[in-house]
Amino acid sequence: MSKRDGKKNLRGRAGRMQGGRGSGRASQGQVRLWGRHAVEAALKNPARRHRKLWATREGIASLDGELPADFPVEYAEGADLARLVARDAPHQGLVLECDPLEDIHLSEVLESEPDGPLLVLDQVTDPHNVGAILRSAAAFGAAAIVTQDRHAPPEGGVVGKSASGALEFVPWVRVVNLARALEEMAEAGYWRIGLAGEAEATLAEALPAGPVALVLGAEGEGMRHNITAHCDALARLPISDAMESLNVSNAAAIALYAVATR
């Protein structure tokens, strides 16, 4: 079994959403995904229950592999698909409606003894950023991302498009209490490092040899005080003085690379 296959049973659901245009969820409480990579990954994901695919003929031709003969496809023009997605969203001729992924609990991830780091996001709410972080998490073998249920974007088209397929196989754990989740990580043997620009140590200096959980706060505000208090160490990325900070998705990618190459 490949490393990716081993994670398939840990795919997390992103939970509560509201309906309406651009939300990424249909009125019946289903998820709407768009873009070739997001749709193709969802179609290949056996954990997804697919409902309907709206597509242009060019969109269908771009997919890797053929759809089952009985798959519900409705052919449409690009302008028609644009009415099903967020405004100006690049749907690439493919819009898929499907059920959300099943919830996953932090204990399931911890008990699976993953090789990669955990990535904890404290009130990172921009769906583009979360999607980009999912993509980096997939690229660098992160075990899961962990967010607070009420302060994270919903599973949907914007996250899915930005994640470029990673939404389907990177476990996404949503918790009610992020501080308690950090305590569970510590009990499981994880060293919790919060990224903070004011920290004295660099991330390379702070990284341990064992399991690590990287904690990132929202842009501008950073980590909340209670979350900082639940970190074992704070560390900074050694960026130039010419730039005050990095976008949170860029910071996550660099931190994951540092862990992967330590």
Protein backbone atom coordinates (compact mmCIF):
# COMPACT_ATOMS: atom_id res chain seq x y z
CA MET A 1 0.00 0.00 0.00
CA SER A 2 1.34 3.46 -0.88
CA LYS A 3 1.60 6.26 1.65
CA ARG A 4 -1.31 8.01 -0.04
CA ASP A 5 -3.43 4.84 0.01
CA GLY A 6 -2.75 4.46 3.72
CA LYS A 7 -4.31 7.85 4.31
CA LYS A 8 -7.50 7.20 2.38
CA ASN A 9 -9.48 6.15 5.43
CA LEU A 10 -8.48 9.33 7.23
CA ARG A 11 -9.98 11.83 4.84
CA GLY A 12 -11.80 14.44 6.88
CA ARG A 13 -15.06 16.27 6.26
CA ALA A 14 -15.15 20.01 6.55
CA GLY A 15 -18.58 20.21 8.10
CA ARG A 16 -21.23 22.92 8.37
CA MET A 17 -21.98 25.12 5.36
CA GLN A 18 -24.66 27.43 4.10
CA GLY A 19 -26.24 27.07 0.67
CA GLY A 20 -26.33 29.58 -2.14
CA ARG A 21 -24.20 30.75 -5.01
CA GLY A 22 -20.49 30.47 -4.43
CA SER A 23 -20.77 28.58 -1.15
CA GLY A 24 -19.59 25.35 -2.74
CA ARG A 25 -22.61 23.49 -1.42
CA ALA A 26 -25.89 22.76 -3.16
CA SER A 27 -29.21 23.58 -1.52
CA GLN A 28 -29.71 19.98 -0.37
CA GLY A 29 -26.61 20.11 1.80
CA GLN A 30 -24.23 18.63 -0.74
CA VAL A 31 -20.78 19.85 -1.77
CA ARG A 32 -20.15 21.48 -5.11
CA LEU A 33 -16.61 21.23 -6.49
CA TRP A 34 -15.15 22.71 -9.66
CA GLY A 35 -11.93 22.72 -11.66
CA ARG A 36 -10.20 19.75 -13.30
CA HIS A 37 -7.87 18.68 -10.48
CA ALA A 38 -10.49 19.04 -7.74
CA VAL A 39 -13.20 17.24 -9.71
CA GLU A 40 -10.91 14.52 -11.01
CA ALA A 41 -9.59 13.76 -7.51
CA ALA A 42 -13.14 13.64 -6.12
CA LEU A 43 -14.26 11.30 -8.90
CA LYS A 44 -11.39 8.93 -8.08
CA ASN A 45 -12.07 9.07 -4.34
CA PRO A 46 -14.06 6.00 -3.24
CA ALA A 47 -14.99 7.83 -0.04
CA ARG A 48 -17.03 10.33 -2.06
CA ARG A 49 -20.63 9.69 -3.04
CA HIS A 50 -21.11 11.47 -6.34
CA ARG A 51 -24.46 12.97 -7.28
CA LYS A 52 -24.12 14.78 -10.60
CA LEU A 53 -21.51 16.19 -12.95
CA TRP A 54 -22.16 19.24 -15.10
CA ALA A 55 -19.55 19.52 -17.82
CA THR A 56 -18.59 20.81 -21.19
CA ARG A 57 -17.41 18.20 -23.68
CA GLU A 58 -13.92 19.70 -23.47
CA GLY A 59 -14.05 19.33 -19.69
CA ILE A 60 -14.94 15.65 -19.96
CA ALA A 61 -12.13 15.11 -22.47
CA SER A 62 -9.61 16.64 -20.02
CA LEU A 63 -10.31 14.03 -17.33
CA ASP A 64 -7.84 11.24 -16.67
CA GLY A 65 -9.82 8.07 -17.37
CA GLU A 66 -13.38 7.43 -18.47
CA LEU A 67 -16.54 7.86 -16.42
CA PRO A 68 -18.79 4.84 -15.81
CA ALA A 69 -21.44 4.48 -18.51
CA ASP A 70 -24.25 5.21 -16.04
CA PHE A 71 -22.60 8.23 -14.38
CA PRO A 72 -25.04 11.18 -14.20
CA VAL A 73 -23.57 13.81 -16.53
CA GLU A 74 -25.35 16.89 -17.83
CA TYR A 75 -23.57 18.59 -20.70
CA ALA A 76 -23.63 22.36 -20.69
CA GLU A 77 -21.88 25.42 -22.04
CA GLY A 78 -19.22 27.21 -20.01
CA ALA A 79 -21.52 30.16 -19.38
CA ASP A 80 -24.11 27.82 -17.87
CA LEU A 81 -21.52 26.28 -15.54
CA ALA A 82 -20.48 29.75 -14.40
CA ARG A 83 -23.92 30.12 -12.81
CA LEU A 84 -23.23 27.09 -10.58
CA VAL A 85 -19.97 28.30 -9.04
CA ALA A 86 -18.51 31.27 -7.21
CA ARG A 87 -18.34 34.46 -9.24
CA ASP A 88 -15.52 34.35 -11.80
CA ALA A 89 -14.38 30.94 -10.51
CA PRO A 90 -12.25 29.02 -13.05
CA HIS A 91 -14.43 25.91 -13.36
CA GLN A 92 -12.50 24.57 -16.42
CA GLY A 93 -15.67 23.02 -17.78
CA LEU A 94 -16.33 20.76 -14.78
CA VAL A 95 -18.70 21.15 -11.81
CA LEU A 96 -19.35 18.17 -9.55
CA GLU A 97 -22.04 17.84 -6.91
CA CYS A 98 -21.32 15.23 -4.25
CA ASP A 99 -21.79 14.35 -0.61
CA PRO A 100 -19.35 15.82 1.92
CA LEU A 101 -16.58 13.62 3.26
CA GLU A 102 -17.09 11.89 6.57
CA ASP A 103 -15.88 13.53 9.77
CA ILE A 104 -12.57 12.38 11.17
CA HIS A 105 -11.52 12.68 14.81
CA LEU A 106 -8.08 13.70 16.01
CA SER A 107 -7.75 10.46 17.94
CA GLU A 108 -8.02 8.51 14.66
CA VAL A 109 -5.06 10.39 13.23
CA LEU A 110 -2.96 10.08 16.39
CA GLU A 111 -3.70 6.38 16.80
CA SER A 112 -2.60 5.71 13.21
CA GLU A 113 0.95 6.77 14.19
CA PRO A 114 1.54 8.91 11.10
CA ASP A 115 5.02 9.69 9.84
CA GLY A 116 4.39 13.30 8.88
CA PRO A 117 3.83 16.42 10.97
CA LEU A 118 0.49 17.81 12.06
CA LEU A 119 -0.43 21.27 10.85
CA VAL A 120 -2.63 23.29 13.24
CA LEU A 121 -4.37 26.40 11.91
CA ASP A 122 -5.63 28.92 14.45
CA GLN A 123 -8.51 30.87 12.89
CA VAL A 124 -7.19 30.79 9.33
CA THR A 125 -10.48 31.48 7.57
CA ASP A 126 -9.56 32.36 3.98
CA PRO A 127 -10.56 29.36 1.83
CA HIS A 128 -7.83 30.11 -0.72
CA ASN A 129 -5.20 29.95 2.02
CA VAL A 130 -6.59 26.75 3.53
CA GLY A 131 -6.74 25.15 0.09
CA ALA A 132 -3.14 26.14 -0.65
CA ILE A 133 -2.09 24.76 2.75
CA LEU A 134 -3.83 21.46 1.98
CA ARG A 135 -1.87 21.30 -1.27
CA SER A 136 1.43 21.88 0.55
CA ALA A 137 0.42 19.36 3.21
CA ALA A 138 -0.02 16.77 0.49
CA ALA A 139 3.26 17.69 -1.19
CA PHE A 140 5.32 17.39 1.99
CA GLY A 141 3.56 14.44 3.59
CA ALA A 142 1.75 16.12 6.48
CA ALA A 143 -0.34 13.73 8.56
CA ALA A 144 -3.34 16.08 8.78
CA ILE A 145 -4.43 19.67 9.14
CA VAL A 146 -6.36 20.58 12.28
CA THR A 147 -8.70 23.56 12.51
CA GLN A 148 -11.32 24.88 14.89
CA ASP A 149 -14.77 24.03 13.58
CA ARG A 150 -16.26 27.52 13.89
CA HIS A 151 -13.23 29.44 12.60
CA ALA A 152 -12.34 27.71 9.35
CA PRO A 153 -13.84 27.78 5.86
CA PRO A 154 -16.28 25.08 4.78
CA GLU A 155 -15.47 22.17 2.54
CA GLY A 156 -16.39 23.41 -0.89
CA GLY A 157 -15.40 24.65 -4.30
CA VAL A 158 -13.01 27.46 -3.36
CA VAL A 159 -11.03 25.27 -0.96
CA GLY A 160 -11.15 22.34 -3.38
CA LYS A 161 -9.91 24.37 -6.35
CA SER A 162 -7.07 25.91 -4.33
CA ALA A 163 -6.13 22.50 -2.93
CA SER A 164 -5.81 21.09 -6.47
CA GLY A 165 -7.10 17.66 -5.42
CA ALA A 166 -5.49 17.47 -1.97
CA LEU A 167 -8.87 17.93 -0.27
CA GLU A 168 -9.59 14.30 -1.15
CA PHE A 169 -6.64 12.65 0.60
CA VAL A 170 -5.20 14.97 3.28
CA PRO A 171 -7.11 14.36 6.53
CA TRP A 172 -8.85 17.53 7.71
CA VAL A 173 -9.72 17.37 11.40
CA ARG A 174 -12.19 19.89 12.80
CA VAL A 175 -12.29 20.30 16.55
CA VAL A 176 -14.43 22.32 18.92
CA ASN A 177 -11.56 23.32 21.23
CA LEU A 178 -8.18 23.87 19.59
CA ALA A 179 -6.34 24.22 22.90
CA ARG A 180 -7.63 20.84 24.03
CA ALA A 181 -6.57 19.36 20.69
CA LEU A 182 -3.04 20.65 21.31
CA GLU A 183 -3.09 18.96 24.71
CA GLU A 184 -4.04 15.67 23.03
CA MET A 185 -1.13 16.08 20.64
CA ALA A 186 1.26 16.61 23.55
CA GLU A 187 -0.09 13.50 25.27
CA ALA A 188 0.59 11.59 22.05
CA GLY A 189 4.23 12.72 22.06
CA TYR A 190 4.12 15.68 19.66
CA TRP A 191 6.35 18.72 20.18
CA ARG A 192 4.19 21.74 19.44
CA ILE A 193 5.95 24.63 17.68
CA GLY A 194 4.11 27.89 17.11
CA LEU A 195 5.33 30.06 14.25
CA ALA A 196 5.76 33.63 15.41
CA GLY A 197 7.79 36.44 13.87
CA GLU A 198 8.93 37.72 17.27
CA ALA A 199 10.46 34.39 18.36
CA GLU A 200 14.21 34.30 19.01
CA ALA A 201 14.87 30.79 17.69
CA THR A 202 14.53 29.90 14.02
CA LEU A 203 12.41 26.93 13.04
CA ALA A 204 15.50 24.90 12.14
CA GLU A 205 16.87 25.48 15.65
CA ALA A 206 13.57 24.60 17.33
CA LEU A 207 12.78 21.40 15.44
CA PRO A 208 13.04 18.20 17.48
CA ALA A 209 13.92 14.77 16.17
CA GLY A 210 10.51 13.28 16.99
CA PRO A 211 6.88 14.02 16.03
CA VAL A 212 6.05 17.69 15.57
CA ALA A 213 2.91 19.78 15.33
CA LEU A 214 3.30 23.12 13.55
CA VAL A 215 0.91 25.83 14.71
CA LEU A 216 0.12 28.84 12.52
CA GLY A 217 -2.15 31.77 13.29
CA ALA A 218 -4.24 33.98 11.06
CA GLU A 219 -2.51 36.68 9.05
CA GLY A 220 -2.22 39.93 10.92
CA GLU A 221 -3.48 38.73 14.29
CA GLY A 222 -1.30 35.64 14.52
CA MET A 223 -1.95 32.97 17.12
CA ARG A 224 -4.29 33.73 19.98
CA HIS A 225 -2.70 33.97 23.43
CA ASN A 226 -4.30 30.75 24.67
CA ILE A 227 -2.98 28.84 21.66
CA THR A 228 0.51 30.30 22.09
CA ALA A 229 0.40 29.15 25.73
CA HIS A 230 -0.23 25.59 24.53
CA CYS A 231 2.91 25.51 22.37
CA ASP A 232 6.12 23.94 23.66
CA ALA A 233 8.22 26.44 21.71
CA LEU A 234 7.93 29.43 19.41
CA ALA A 235 10.01 29.76 16.28
CA ARG A 236 10.36 32.11 13.34
CA LEU A 237 11.18 31.71 9.70
CA PRO A 238 14.47 33.54 8.88
CA ILE A 239 13.06 36.00 6.36
CA SER A 240 14.65 39.27 5.28
CA ASP A 241 13.99 42.47 7.20
CA ALA A 242 12.67 43.90 3.94
CA MET A 243 9.49 41.91 4.46
CA GLU A 244 7.54 41.92 7.73
CA SER A 245 5.79 38.59 7.24
CA LEU A 246 4.70 35.91 4.78
CA ASN A 247 1.28 34.84 3.64
CA VAL A 248 0.19 32.03 5.96
CA SER A 249 0.04 29.49 3.13
CA ASN A 250 3.60 30.36 2.09
CA ALA A 251 4.77 30.10 5.69
CA ALA A 252 3.12 26.71 6.02
CA ALA A 253 4.83 25.43 2.86
CA ILE A 254 8.27 26.58 4.05
CA ALA A 255 7.73 25.12 7.53
CA LEU A 256 6.61 21.77 6.09
CA TYR A 257 9.67 21.72 3.83
CA ALA A 258 11.89 22.38 6.86
CA VAL A 259 10.34 19.42 8.68
CA ALA A 260 10.65 17.18 5.63
CA THR A 261 14.38 17.97 5.23
CA ARG A 262 15.49 18.14 8.88
